[in-house]
Protein backbone atom coordinates (compact mmCIF):
# COMPACT_ATOMS: atom_id res chain seq x y z
CA MET A 1 -30.66 153.34 73.05
CA PRO A 2 -31.96 151.96 69.73
CA ARG A 3 -33.50 154.34 67.24
CA VAL A 4 -37.11 153.52 66.33
CA ALA A 5 -38.74 154.80 63.12
CA VAL A 6 -42.45 155.46 63.68
CA ASP A 7 -45.09 155.73 60.96
CA ALA A 8 -46.91 158.86 62.13
CA LEU A 9 -49.85 158.30 59.79
CA GLY A 10 -50.53 154.64 60.61
CA GLY A 11 -53.74 153.64 62.39
CA ASP A 12 -57.24 154.90 63.08
CA ASN A 13 -56.08 157.51 65.60
CA ALA A 14 -53.14 158.91 63.65
CA PRO A 15 -51.40 161.25 63.77
CA GLY A 16 -52.56 162.64 67.13
CA GLU A 17 -52.35 159.54 69.32
CA VAL A 18 -49.26 158.29 67.51
CA ILE A 19 -47.39 161.50 68.27
CA LEU A 20 -48.50 161.46 71.92
CA GLY A 21 -47.38 157.85 72.25
CA ALA A 22 -44.08 158.64 70.58
CA LEU A 23 -43.54 161.51 73.04
CA ASP A 24 -44.18 159.16 75.97
CA ALA A 25 -41.72 156.61 74.60
CA ALA A 26 -39.12 159.31 73.98
CA ALA A 27 -39.57 160.56 77.55
CA SER A 28 -38.67 157.07 78.78
CA GLY A 29 -35.41 157.16 76.84
CA VAL A 30 -36.21 155.71 73.41
CA ASP A 31 -34.71 157.50 70.41
CA VAL A 32 -37.82 158.09 68.28
CA VAL A 33 -37.99 159.47 64.74
CA LEU A 34 -41.38 160.20 63.16
CA TYR A 35 -42.12 159.74 59.47
CA GLY A 36 -44.91 161.92 58.10
CA PRO A 37 -45.89 165.01 56.11
CA ALA A 38 -44.18 168.38 56.29
CA GLY A 39 -45.69 170.67 58.89
CA LEU A 40 -46.69 167.85 61.23
CA ALA A 41 -46.73 169.12 64.81
CA THR A 42 -44.27 166.69 66.40
CA GLU A 43 -43.76 168.60 69.68
CA GLY A 44 -40.02 168.58 69.16
CA LEU A 45 -39.52 165.00 67.95
CA PRO A 46 -37.42 164.69 64.78
CA LEU A 47 -39.44 164.30 61.59
CA VAL A 48 -38.48 162.75 58.28
CA GLU A 49 -40.82 164.32 55.74
CA THR A 50 -42.86 162.10 53.43
CA THR A 51 -45.42 162.99 50.79
CA GLU A 52 -47.73 159.95 50.61
CA VAL A 53 -49.90 157.82 52.88
CA ILE A 54 -51.08 154.22 52.62
CA GLU A 55 -54.70 153.92 53.68
CA MET A 56 -56.22 150.94 55.50
CA ALA A 57 -58.36 150.16 52.43
CA ASP A 58 -55.43 150.16 49.97
CA LYS A 59 -54.31 146.90 48.41
CA PRO A 60 -51.06 146.23 50.27
CA ALA A 61 -48.62 145.10 47.59
CA GLU A 62 -49.86 147.63 45.03
CA ALA A 63 -49.79 150.48 47.53
CA VAL A 64 -46.24 149.72 48.69
CA ARG A 65 -44.94 149.91 45.12
CA ALA A 66 -47.15 152.82 44.05
CA LYS A 67 -46.40 154.95 47.12
CA PRO A 68 -42.67 154.62 47.84
CA ASP A 69 -42.64 157.95 49.68
CA SER A 70 -45.45 157.00 52.06
CA SER A 71 -44.75 157.30 55.77
CA LEU A 72 -45.06 153.52 56.21
CA VAL A 73 -42.68 152.54 53.42
CA ALA A 74 -40.17 155.26 54.27
CA ALA A 75 -40.05 154.11 57.90
CA VAL A 76 -39.46 150.49 56.84
CA ARG A 77 -36.82 151.60 54.36
CA ALA A 78 -35.01 153.45 57.16
CA VAL A 79 -34.41 150.11 58.90
CA ALA A 80 -33.16 148.56 55.68
CA ALA A 81 -30.74 151.47 55.20
CA GLY A 82 -29.47 151.32 58.78
CA ASP A 83 -30.93 154.71 59.69
CA ALA A 84 -33.15 153.06 62.33
CA ASP A 85 -32.94 149.87 64.38
CA ALA A 86 -36.67 149.08 64.25
CA VAL A 87 -39.91 150.33 62.73
CA VAL A 88 -43.35 150.67 64.33
CA SER A 89 -46.62 151.16 62.48
CA ALA A 90 -50.29 150.84 63.37
CA GLY A 91 -51.18 151.04 59.70
CA ASN A 92 -52.24 148.53 57.07
CA THR A 93 -50.88 145.16 58.26
CA GLY A 94 -50.62 143.75 54.76
CA ALA A 95 -48.69 146.82 53.64
CA ILE A 96 -46.24 146.48 56.54
CA LEU A 97 -45.67 142.86 55.54
CA ALA A 98 -45.30 143.77 51.85
CA ALA A 99 -42.88 146.61 52.61
CA GLY A 100 -40.90 144.33 54.90
CA LEU A 101 -40.60 141.63 52.25
CA LEU A 102 -39.57 144.19 49.61
CA HIS A 103 -37.07 146.23 51.59
CA LEU A 104 -35.99 144.12 54.58
CA ARG A 105 -36.36 140.70 52.93
CA ARG A 106 -36.60 137.37 54.71
CA VAL A 107 -34.11 135.71 56.98
CA PRO A 108 -32.42 132.95 54.92
CA GLY A 109 -34.42 129.75 55.21
CA VAL A 110 -37.66 131.42 56.33
CA MET A 111 -40.58 130.65 54.02
CA ARG A 112 -43.18 132.98 55.57
CA PRO A 113 -42.77 135.77 58.15
CA ALA A 114 -45.25 135.50 61.02
CA ILE A 115 -46.80 137.92 63.50
CA ALA A 116 -45.84 136.87 67.04
CA VAL A 117 -48.13 138.27 69.75
CA PRO A 118 -47.43 137.99 73.48
CA ILE A 119 -50.51 136.61 75.27
CA PRO A 120 -50.89 137.73 78.92
CA ALA A 121 -51.65 134.27 80.35
CA ARG A 122 -52.18 133.72 84.08
CA GLN A 123 -49.16 131.45 84.31
CA GLY A 124 -46.91 133.95 82.54
CA PRO A 125 -46.81 135.32 79.00
CA SER A 126 -46.87 132.99 76.04
CA VAL A 127 -46.53 133.77 72.34
CA LEU A 128 -49.19 133.16 69.68
CA LEU A 129 -48.17 132.97 66.03
CA ASP A 130 -49.17 133.50 63.33
CA ALA A 131 -51.59 136.26 64.35
CA GLY A 132 -52.43 137.54 60.90
CA ALA A 133 -49.57 137.68 58.41
CA ASN A 134 -50.63 134.54 56.51
CA ALA A 135 -54.34 133.92 56.13
CA ASP A 136 -53.51 130.76 54.19
CA ALA A 137 -50.71 128.48 55.31
CA ARG A 138 -49.32 125.03 54.69
CA PRO A 139 -48.36 122.49 57.36
CA GLU A 140 -44.64 123.15 56.84
CA HIS A 141 -45.24 126.85 57.50
CA LEU A 142 -46.77 126.03 60.89
CA LEU A 143 -43.76 123.87 61.71
CA GLN A 144 -41.50 126.79 60.91
CA PHE A 145 -43.64 129.14 63.00
CA ALA A 146 -43.10 126.75 65.89
CA HIS A 147 -39.33 127.05 65.54
CA MET A 148 -39.48 130.85 65.30
CA GLY A 149 -41.80 131.00 68.30
CA ALA A 150 -39.46 128.77 70.30
CA VAL A 151 -36.52 131.08 69.59
CA PHE A 152 -38.68 134.07 70.58
CA ALA A 153 -39.70 132.42 73.85
CA GLN A 154 -36.12 131.48 74.69
CA GLU A 155 -34.61 134.86 73.86
CA LEU A 156 -37.29 137.29 75.04
CA LEU A 157 -39.44 135.36 77.51
CA GLU A 158 -36.36 133.59 78.91
CA VAL A 159 -37.92 130.12 78.76
CA ARG A 160 -35.18 127.51 78.68
CA ASP A 161 -37.08 124.75 76.85
CA PRO A 162 -40.29 126.28 75.45
CA GLN A 163 -43.30 124.02 75.23
CA VAL A 164 -45.08 124.26 71.87
CA ARG A 165 -48.69 123.38 71.19
CA LEU A 166 -50.89 123.55 68.10
CA LEU A 167 -54.18 125.47 68.29
CA SER A 168 -57.03 123.18 67.30
CA ILE A 169 -60.64 122.26 68.14
CA GLY A 170 -59.67 119.51 70.56
CA GLU A 171 -56.67 118.16 72.44
CA GLU A 172 -56.84 114.75 70.75
CA ASP A 173 -54.22 114.20 68.03
CA GLU A 174 -56.80 113.50 65.33
CA LYS A 175 -58.89 116.64 65.98
CA GLY A 176 -58.87 119.56 63.52
CA ASN A 177 -59.05 120.31 59.82
CA GLN A 178 -56.62 118.84 57.31
CA LEU A 179 -54.09 121.64 57.92
CA ALA A 180 -54.09 121.02 61.68
CA ILE A 181 -53.87 117.23 61.32
CA GLU A 182 -50.93 117.38 58.92
CA ALA A 183 -49.18 120.13 60.91
CA HIS A 184 -49.65 118.04 64.06
CA ARG A 185 -47.87 115.13 62.38
CA LEU A 186 -44.91 117.32 61.34
CA LEU A 187 -44.63 118.85 64.79
CA ARG A 188 -44.83 115.44 66.47
CA GLU A 189 -42.07 114.04 64.25
CA ASP A 190 -39.68 116.96 64.80
CA ASP A 191 -37.54 116.21 67.84
CA ARG A 192 -35.94 119.68 67.73
CA ILE A 193 -38.95 121.24 69.46
CA ASN A 194 -40.75 120.41 72.69
CA PHE A 195 -44.15 119.65 71.16
CA ALA A 196 -46.93 118.87 73.66
CA GLY A 197 -49.86 118.28 71.31
CA ASN A 198 -52.98 120.30 70.58
CA ALA A 199 -54.37 123.18 72.63
CA GLU A 200 -57.87 124.63 72.70
CA SER A 201 -58.54 128.35 72.54
CA ARG A 202 -60.26 128.34 75.95
CA ASP A 203 -56.85 127.68 77.51
CA LEU A 204 -54.99 130.59 75.91
CA LEU A 205 -55.43 132.97 78.85
CA HIS A 206 -54.68 130.25 81.37
CA GLY A 207 -51.37 129.42 79.72
CA ALA A 208 -51.85 126.74 77.09
CA ALA A 209 -48.13 126.63 76.29
CA ASP A 210 -45.08 128.86 75.95
CA VAL A 211 -45.68 128.89 72.18
CA VAL A 212 -49.06 128.38 70.49
CA VAL A 213 -48.97 127.87 66.73
CA THR A 214 -51.71 128.33 64.14
CA ASP A 215 -52.36 129.84 60.72
CA GLY A 216 -52.81 133.60 60.41
CA PHE A 217 -56.56 133.45 59.76
CA THR A 218 -57.31 131.42 62.89
CA GLY A 219 -54.72 133.27 64.97
CA ASN A 220 -56.09 136.69 64.10
CA ILE A 221 -59.64 135.66 64.97
CA ALA A 222 -58.49 134.14 68.26
CA LEU A 223 -56.45 137.22 69.15
CA LYS A 224 -59.24 139.70 68.44
CA LEU A 225 -61.76 137.56 70.32
CA LEU A 226 -59.45 137.54 73.34
CA GLU A 227 -58.86 141.28 73.18
CA GLY A 228 -62.55 142.07 72.77
CA THR A 229 -63.58 139.75 75.58
CA ILE A 230 -60.97 141.14 77.98
CA SER A 231 -61.96 144.72 77.19
CA GLU A 232 -65.69 144.07 77.61
CA LEU A 233 -65.24 142.18 80.88
CA LEU A 234 -63.05 144.87 82.42
CA ASP A 235 -65.45 147.63 81.31
CA ALA A 236 -68.48 145.68 82.57
CA LEU A 237 -66.80 145.15 85.94
CA ARG A 238 -66.05 148.86 86.21
CA ASP A 239 -69.63 149.83 85.31
CA GLU A 240 -71.07 147.30 87.76
CA ILE A 241 -68.92 148.61 90.60
CA ALA A 242 -69.96 152.18 89.86
CA SER A 243 -73.69 151.38 89.66
CA THR A 244 -74.40 151.23 93.42
CA VAL A 245 -73.16 152.85 96.61
CA THR A 246 -72.04 149.51 98.06
CA GLY A 247 -70.34 148.71 94.78
CA LYS A 248 -68.39 151.96 94.95
CA LEU A 249 -67.32 151.22 98.52
CA GLY A 250 -66.25 147.72 97.55
CA GLY A 251 -64.51 149.15 94.51
CA LEU A 252 -62.25 151.20 96.76
CA LEU A 253 -61.12 148.03 98.50
CA ILE A 254 -60.40 146.07 95.35
CA ARG A 255 -59.00 148.98 93.33
CA PRO A 256 -55.32 147.95 93.69
CA ALA A 257 -56.10 144.37 92.62
CA ALA A 258 -58.31 145.60 89.77
CA ARG A 259 -55.56 147.87 88.49
CA ARG A 260 -53.04 145.03 88.57
CA LEU A 261 -55.49 142.80 86.70
CA ARG A 262 -56.11 145.46 84.04
CA ALA A 263 -52.38 146.05 83.63
CA THR A 264 -51.84 142.32 83.16
CA LEU A 265 -54.68 141.65 80.73
CA ASP A 266 -54.98 144.93 78.82
CA PRO A 267 -53.76 144.47 75.20
CA ASP A 268 -52.30 147.97 75.37
CA THR A 269 -49.73 146.64 77.85
CA TYR A 270 -47.76 145.11 74.98
CA GLY A 271 -48.96 147.54 72.33
CA GLY A 272 -47.89 145.53 69.34
CA ALA A 273 -46.40 142.36 67.89
CA TYR A 274 -43.13 141.41 66.25
CA LEU A 275 -43.15 140.48 62.59
CA LEU A 276 -40.68 137.59 62.79
CA GLY A 277 -38.70 136.21 59.89
CA LEU A 278 -37.47 139.46 58.32
CA ARG A 279 -33.88 140.73 58.25
CA GLY A 280 -34.97 143.86 60.07
CA LEU A 281 -37.11 144.45 63.14
CA ALA A 282 -40.72 145.47 62.54
CA VAL A 283 -43.45 145.89 65.16
CA ILE A 284 -47.09 145.99 64.12
CA ALA A 285 -49.33 147.97 66.48
CA HIS A 286 -53.11 147.64 66.71
CA GLY A 287 -55.01 149.65 64.13
CA ASN A 288 -57.01 151.39 66.87
CA SER A 289 -53.97 152.04 69.07
CA GLY A 290 -54.14 155.00 71.40
CA ARG A 291 -51.37 156.84 73.16
CA VAL A 292 -50.55 154.09 75.67
CA ALA A 293 -50.51 151.29 73.10
CA VAL A 294 -48.31 153.27 70.70
CA ALA A 295 -45.82 154.11 73.45
CA ASN A 296 -45.64 150.47 74.51
CA ALA A 297 -45.25 149.29 70.92
CA ILE A 298 -42.28 151.63 70.51
CA ARG A 299 -40.75 150.35 73.76
CA LEU A 300 -41.36 146.77 72.56
CA ALA A 301 -39.45 147.60 69.37
CA ALA A 302 -36.60 149.13 71.35
CA ARG A 303 -36.35 146.05 73.58
CA GLY A 304 -36.32 143.80 70.54
CA ALA A 305 -33.47 145.79 69.03
CA GLU A 306 -31.55 145.76 72.30
CA ASN A 307 -31.99 141.98 72.57
CA ARG A 308 -30.93 141.49 68.94
CA VAL A 309 -34.07 139.52 68.13
CA VAL A 310 -33.45 139.53 64.38
CA GLU A 311 -29.79 138.55 64.68
CA ARG A 312 -30.49 135.76 67.16
CA LEU A 313 -33.30 134.39 65.04
CA ALA A 314 -31.07 134.47 61.95
CA GLU A 315 -28.25 132.74 63.85
CA ARG A 316 -30.44 129.91 65.02
CA MET A 317 -33.00 129.39 62.26
CA PRO A 318 -30.93 127.92 59.37
CA GLU A 319 -30.24 124.67 61.22
CA ARG A 320 -33.82 124.45 62.47
CA VAL A 321 -36.10 125.17 59.54
CA SER A 322 -35.67 122.27 57.16
CA VAL A 323 -38.81 120.14 56.78
């Protein structure tokens, strides 16, 4: 079983929920190592002691260099040194990216790493990228994200010929800002990917495509809007059922279906996202991750290591990334 280095101090609910999630993942067979301060109550999990912490408000690149013994940087460095097969952190996303670029470095040929998030669509999971690593991007970056997403879909989602679409404000080819229009042209001209045109955000949960490509600014907004909407709808449904006697009786009948729906749509089901394009496996968990999300993020990292995501991406990207 792969060894996963976990930043015990990353996220709004650290270290308590991180440790509980790590315990759950370890109970399911994952080899988990926590990185955090001396004296941390790890309930028996191994601990690599660190002396610093990167806060959410820290400037990422500066913090990574100024705090080399932080739990986040030490956990990333463990992957670079071969002491762990993957790293998981719910901490500062920019700092995870900066630490990855400094210590893990990019896969040859990759211009920008991208955050690849599985979307629980009705027709089966799809992958959205970039979901926040690059607030600003150029058209050639989006083309490269499409290739990385296609490899991800083939290797992890087991889609033989992944369909790729570009997130925009309309399905027509000419719709979108200048970035979308130029990226659309590059994607359309590249016969190495199965490009099916633009997709609108309203279709993301239905299954817009196997791979949906956008810049990190747009992708992060779309992702958080989806997560917030799903959470509010599920909570509202639960409150409505519990508000009347007939609702409670009906709730008993639909409880199995409701649980399946929650399990399918709940963002905690995946727990995190792969940071693709680095020469080491990194999983970024939600900043507000609780026990369930942390455990699932660690399992996601273990599966990625088992499936050799980094190696397979590196093997296939050099011949696919030229623009």
